[in-house]
N, C-alpha and C. Protein backbone atom coordinates (compact mmCIF):
# COMPACT_ATOMS: atom_id res chain seq x y z
N MET A 1 30.21 -2.63 64.92
CA MET A 1 30.35 -1.22 65.21
C MET A 1 30.57 -1.07 66.72
N ASP A 2 31.51 -0.22 67.11
CA ASP A 2 31.81 -0.04 68.52
C ASP A 2 31.06 1.19 69.09
N ILE A 3 31.24 1.44 70.38
CA ILE A 3 30.52 2.53 71.05
C ILE A 3 30.85 3.87 70.41
N LYS A 4 32.11 4.11 70.07
CA LYS A 4 32.48 5.39 69.45
C LYS A 4 31.78 5.58 68.12
N ALA A 5 31.77 4.54 67.30
CA ALA A 5 31.12 4.64 65.99
C ALA A 5 29.61 4.85 66.16
N LEU A 6 29.00 4.17 67.10
CA LEU A 6 27.57 4.38 67.37
C LEU A 6 27.30 5.81 67.83
N THR A 7 28.18 6.32 68.69
CA THR A 7 28.04 7.70 69.17
C THR A 7 28.16 8.68 68.01
N ASP A 8 29.13 8.47 67.14
CA ASP A 8 29.30 9.35 65.98
C ASP A 8 28.06 9.32 65.09
N GLU A 9 27.51 8.13 64.88
CA GLU A 9 26.31 7.99 64.05
C GLU A 9 25.12 8.70 64.71
N MET A 10 25.01 8.58 66.04
CA MET A 10 23.94 9.26 66.77
C MET A 10 24.07 10.76 66.60
N HIS A 11 25.29 11.30 66.74
CA HIS A 11 25.50 12.75 66.57
C HIS A 11 25.15 13.19 65.15
N ARG A 12 25.49 12.39 64.15
CA ARG A 12 25.13 12.73 62.76
C ARG A 12 23.62 12.86 62.62
N PHE A 13 22.89 11.94 63.21
CA PHE A 13 21.44 11.98 63.14
C PHE A 13 20.89 13.23 63.84
N VAL A 14 21.37 13.50 65.05
CA VAL A 14 20.86 14.65 65.82
C VAL A 14 21.16 15.95 65.07
N ARG A 15 22.35 16.06 64.53
CA ARG A 15 22.70 17.25 63.73
C ARG A 15 21.80 17.37 62.51
N ALA A 16 21.55 16.26 61.82
CA ALA A 16 20.70 16.27 60.63
C ALA A 16 19.29 16.74 60.95
N GLN A 17 18.83 16.47 62.17
CA GLN A 17 17.50 16.92 62.59
C GLN A 17 17.52 18.38 63.03
N GLY A 18 18.70 18.95 63.22
CA GLY A 18 18.82 20.33 63.66
C GLY A 18 18.65 20.50 65.16
N TRP A 19 18.74 19.42 65.90
CA TRP A 19 18.46 19.48 67.34
C TRP A 19 19.62 20.04 68.16
N TYR A 20 20.80 20.18 67.56
CA TYR A 20 21.91 20.84 68.25
C TYR A 20 21.91 22.34 67.99
N ALA A 21 21.06 22.80 67.11
CA ALA A 21 21.00 24.23 66.80
C ALA A 21 20.49 25.01 68.00
N ARG A 22 20.99 26.20 68.17
CA ARG A 22 20.62 27.04 69.31
C ARG A 22 19.12 27.27 69.38
N GLU A 23 18.47 27.42 68.23
CA GLU A 23 17.03 27.72 68.19
C GLU A 23 16.15 26.46 68.12
N SER A 24 16.72 25.30 68.34
CA SER A 24 15.97 24.05 68.25
C SER A 24 14.81 24.02 69.23
N LEU A 25 13.71 23.44 68.77
CA LEU A 25 12.56 23.23 69.66
C LEU A 25 12.79 22.03 70.58
N ARG A 26 13.85 21.29 70.31
CA ARG A 26 14.22 20.13 71.13
C ARG A 26 15.67 20.31 71.62
N PRO A 27 15.90 21.27 72.53
CA PRO A 27 17.27 21.52 72.98
C PRO A 27 17.88 20.28 73.62
N GLN A 28 19.07 19.95 73.18
CA GLN A 28 19.74 18.73 73.62
C GLN A 28 20.60 19.00 74.85
N THR A 29 19.97 19.46 75.92
CA THR A 29 20.68 19.69 77.18
C THR A 29 20.76 18.38 77.95
N LEU A 30 21.71 18.31 78.87
CA LEU A 30 21.83 17.10 79.68
C LEU A 30 20.54 16.82 80.43
N ARG A 31 19.91 17.86 80.98
CA ARG A 31 18.65 17.70 81.70
C ARG A 31 17.57 17.12 80.79
N ASN A 32 17.39 17.70 79.62
CA ASN A 32 16.36 17.23 78.69
C ASN A 32 16.63 15.80 78.24
N LEU A 33 17.89 15.49 78.02
CA LEU A 33 18.24 14.14 77.59
C LEU A 33 18.03 13.13 78.71
N ALA A 34 18.33 13.51 79.96
CA ALA A 34 18.09 12.61 81.09
C ALA A 34 16.60 12.33 81.25
N ILE A 35 15.77 13.35 81.06
CA ILE A 35 14.32 13.15 81.12
C ILE A 35 13.89 12.20 80.00
N SER A 36 14.40 12.43 78.80
CA SER A 36 14.05 11.58 77.66
C SER A 36 14.50 10.14 77.87
N LEU A 37 15.67 9.96 78.48
CA LEU A 37 16.15 8.61 78.78
C LEU A 37 15.18 7.89 79.72
N CYS A 38 14.71 8.59 80.74
CA CYS A 38 13.76 7.97 81.68
C CYS A 38 12.44 7.63 80.99
N LEU A 39 11.97 8.52 80.15
CA LEU A 39 10.71 8.27 79.44
C LEU A 39 10.84 7.07 78.51
N GLU A 40 11.94 7.00 77.78
CA GLU A 40 12.15 5.86 76.88
C GLU A 40 12.32 4.56 77.67
N SER A 41 12.98 4.65 78.83
CA SER A 41 13.13 3.46 79.67
C SER A 41 11.78 2.93 80.11
N ALA A 42 10.88 3.84 80.43
CA ALA A 42 9.53 3.42 80.82
C ALA A 42 8.81 2.74 79.66
N GLU A 43 9.10 3.16 78.43
CA GLU A 43 8.47 2.52 77.27
C GLU A 43 8.94 1.08 77.11
N VAL A 44 10.11 0.76 77.62
CA VAL A 44 10.57 -0.64 77.61
C VAL A 44 9.58 -1.48 78.42
N LEU A 45 9.11 -0.94 79.54
CA LEU A 45 8.18 -1.67 80.40
C LEU A 45 6.86 -1.97 79.71
N GLU A 46 6.46 -1.10 78.79
CA GLU A 46 5.19 -1.34 78.10
C GLU A 46 5.16 -2.70 77.41
N ASN A 47 6.32 -3.19 77.04
CA ASN A 47 6.39 -4.49 76.38
C ASN A 47 6.03 -5.64 77.30
N PHE A 48 5.99 -5.37 78.60
CA PHE A 48 5.69 -6.42 79.57
C PHE A 48 4.45 -6.09 80.40
N GLN A 49 3.78 -5.00 80.06
CA GLN A 49 2.59 -4.62 80.82
C GLN A 49 1.52 -5.70 80.67
N TRP A 50 1.04 -6.19 81.78
CA TRP A 50 -0.02 -7.18 81.87
C TRP A 50 0.41 -8.58 81.44
N SER A 51 1.70 -8.78 81.23
CA SER A 51 2.15 -10.11 80.81
C SER A 51 3.61 -10.31 81.19
N GLU A 52 3.93 -11.52 81.57
CA GLU A 52 5.32 -11.87 81.86
C GLU A 52 6.07 -12.19 80.57
N ASP A 53 5.34 -12.40 79.49
CA ASP A 53 5.94 -12.82 78.23
C ASP A 53 6.22 -11.63 77.32
N LEU A 54 7.28 -11.74 76.57
CA LEU A 54 7.61 -10.73 75.57
C LEU A 54 6.63 -10.85 74.41
N ARG A 55 5.95 -9.76 74.11
CA ARG A 55 4.94 -9.79 73.05
C ARG A 55 5.54 -9.54 71.67
N ASP A 56 6.44 -8.57 71.58
CA ASP A 56 6.95 -8.16 70.27
C ASP A 56 8.44 -7.85 70.39
N LYS A 57 9.27 -8.77 69.96
CA LYS A 57 10.72 -8.64 70.08
C LYS A 57 11.24 -7.42 69.32
N ARG A 58 10.69 -7.15 68.14
CA ARG A 58 11.14 -5.97 67.36
C ARG A 58 10.81 -4.67 68.08
N GLU A 59 9.62 -4.60 68.67
CA GLU A 59 9.23 -3.41 69.40
C GLU A 59 10.14 -3.20 70.62
N LEU A 60 10.43 -4.26 71.34
CA LEU A 60 11.35 -4.16 72.47
C LEU A 60 12.72 -3.68 71.99
N GLY A 61 13.18 -4.24 70.90
CA GLY A 61 14.47 -3.83 70.33
C GLY A 61 14.49 -2.35 69.98
N ALA A 62 13.40 -1.85 69.42
CA ALA A 62 13.31 -0.42 69.07
C ALA A 62 13.37 0.45 70.32
N GLU A 63 12.69 0.03 71.37
CA GLU A 63 12.70 0.81 72.61
C GLU A 63 14.08 0.76 73.27
N LEU A 64 14.71 -0.41 73.26
CA LEU A 64 16.06 -0.52 73.81
C LEU A 64 17.04 0.34 73.02
N ALA A 65 16.85 0.42 71.70
CA ALA A 65 17.70 1.28 70.88
C ALA A 65 17.51 2.74 71.25
N ASP A 66 16.27 3.17 71.49
CA ASP A 66 16.03 4.54 71.93
C ASP A 66 16.77 4.83 73.23
N VAL A 67 16.70 3.90 74.18
CA VAL A 67 17.39 4.07 75.45
C VAL A 67 18.89 4.18 75.22
N ALA A 68 19.43 3.30 74.40
CA ALA A 68 20.87 3.30 74.13
C ALA A 68 21.31 4.60 73.47
N LEU A 69 20.51 5.10 72.54
CA LEU A 69 20.88 6.35 71.86
C LEU A 69 20.93 7.52 72.83
N TYR A 70 19.93 7.62 73.70
CA TYR A 70 19.98 8.69 74.71
C TYR A 70 21.16 8.51 75.65
N LEU A 71 21.45 7.29 76.04
CA LEU A 71 22.58 7.02 76.91
C LEU A 71 23.90 7.43 76.25
N LEU A 72 24.06 7.08 75.00
CA LEU A 72 25.26 7.48 74.27
C LEU A 72 25.39 8.99 74.19
N GLN A 73 24.28 9.66 73.93
CA GLN A 73 24.31 11.11 73.78
C GLN A 73 24.64 11.80 75.11
N ILE A 74 24.02 11.35 76.18
CA ILE A 74 24.30 11.93 77.49
C ILE A 74 25.78 11.75 77.84
N ALA A 75 26.28 10.54 77.68
CA ALA A 75 27.69 10.29 78.00
C ALA A 75 28.60 11.17 77.16
N SER A 76 28.32 11.29 75.89
CA SER A 76 29.15 12.09 75.00
C SER A 76 29.12 13.57 75.39
N LEU A 77 27.93 14.10 75.60
CA LEU A 77 27.83 15.53 75.93
C LEU A 77 28.39 15.84 77.31
N ALA A 78 28.39 14.86 78.21
CA ALA A 78 28.96 15.05 79.55
C ALA A 78 30.46 14.72 79.57
N ASP A 79 31.00 14.38 78.41
CA ASP A 79 32.41 14.02 78.27
C ASP A 79 32.79 12.84 79.17
N ILE A 80 31.94 11.82 79.13
CA ILE A 80 32.18 10.58 79.87
C ILE A 80 32.50 9.49 78.87
N ASP A 81 33.59 8.79 79.12
CA ASP A 81 33.95 7.64 78.30
C ASP A 81 33.07 6.49 78.78
N LEU A 82 31.98 6.26 78.08
CA LEU A 82 30.99 5.27 78.52
C LEU A 82 31.59 3.87 78.59
N GLU A 83 32.41 3.53 77.63
CA GLU A 83 33.04 2.21 77.65
C GLU A 83 33.86 2.03 78.92
N GLU A 84 34.67 3.02 79.26
CA GLU A 84 35.49 2.94 80.48
C GLU A 84 34.61 2.96 81.73
N ALA A 85 33.55 3.76 81.74
CA ALA A 85 32.65 3.82 82.89
C ALA A 85 31.98 2.46 83.13
N ILE A 86 31.60 1.80 82.05
CA ILE A 86 30.98 0.47 82.16
C ILE A 86 31.98 -0.53 82.71
N LEU A 87 33.20 -0.50 82.19
CA LEU A 87 34.22 -1.44 82.67
C LEU A 87 34.55 -1.19 84.14
N GLN A 88 34.65 0.08 84.54
CA GLN A 88 34.90 0.41 85.95
C GLN A 88 33.76 -0.09 86.83
N LYS A 89 32.53 0.10 86.38
CA LYS A 89 31.37 -0.34 87.15
C LYS A 89 31.35 -1.86 87.29
N LEU A 90 31.69 -2.56 86.22
CA LEU A 90 31.77 -4.02 86.30
C LEU A 90 32.83 -4.46 87.31
N ARG A 91 34.00 -3.80 87.28
CA ARG A 91 35.06 -4.14 88.24
C ARG A 91 34.56 -3.91 89.67
N HIS A 92 33.87 -2.80 89.88
CA HIS A 92 33.30 -2.49 91.19
C HIS A 92 32.27 -3.54 91.60
N ASN A 93 31.40 -3.90 90.67
CA ASN A 93 30.34 -4.86 90.99
C ASN A 93 30.87 -6.24 91.33
N TYR A 94 32.02 -6.61 90.78
CA TYR A 94 32.62 -7.89 91.13
C TYR A 94 32.98 -7.95 92.62
N GLN A 95 33.19 -6.79 93.22
CA GLN A 95 33.55 -6.72 94.64
C GLN A 95 32.33 -6.70 95.55
N ARG A 96 31.15 -6.50 95.00
CA ARG A 96 29.93 -6.40 95.79
C ARG A 96 29.33 -7.78 96.04
N HIS A 97 28.56 -7.85 97.10
CA HIS A 97 27.90 -9.10 97.47
C HIS A 97 26.45 -8.78 97.82
N TRP A 98 25.54 -9.02 96.90
CA TRP A 98 24.15 -8.63 97.07
C TRP A 98 23.36 -9.57 97.95
N ASP A 99 23.66 -10.83 97.93
CA ASP A 99 22.83 -11.82 98.58
C ASP A 99 23.29 -12.22 99.98
N GLU A 100 24.28 -11.53 100.48
CA GLU A 100 24.76 -11.83 101.84
C GLU A 100 24.06 -10.92 102.83
N GLU A 101 23.79 -11.46 104.01
CA GLU A 101 23.13 -10.64 105.04
C GLU A 101 24.16 -10.06 105.97
């Protein structure tokens, strides 16, 4: 499944929950989604709290999926081609030199 298909599936889920409805208790605004993305990202860290070792691979996978879903939704609602943005960022990063003084 590609990014577009994942995005479509994410939108189907959000619509099924009624979260795109005007009267939703969970308004899907860019601001709210950005906050949710940060919160879910922090939950990724819980998998490593107090240990350098991964405790539960499935739990980490679930948290990474939450992060990815919010990322897909933000990109879609902001009309950003996430695939192209990622490729552009990679091209840019190839030109950077982090370890040089």
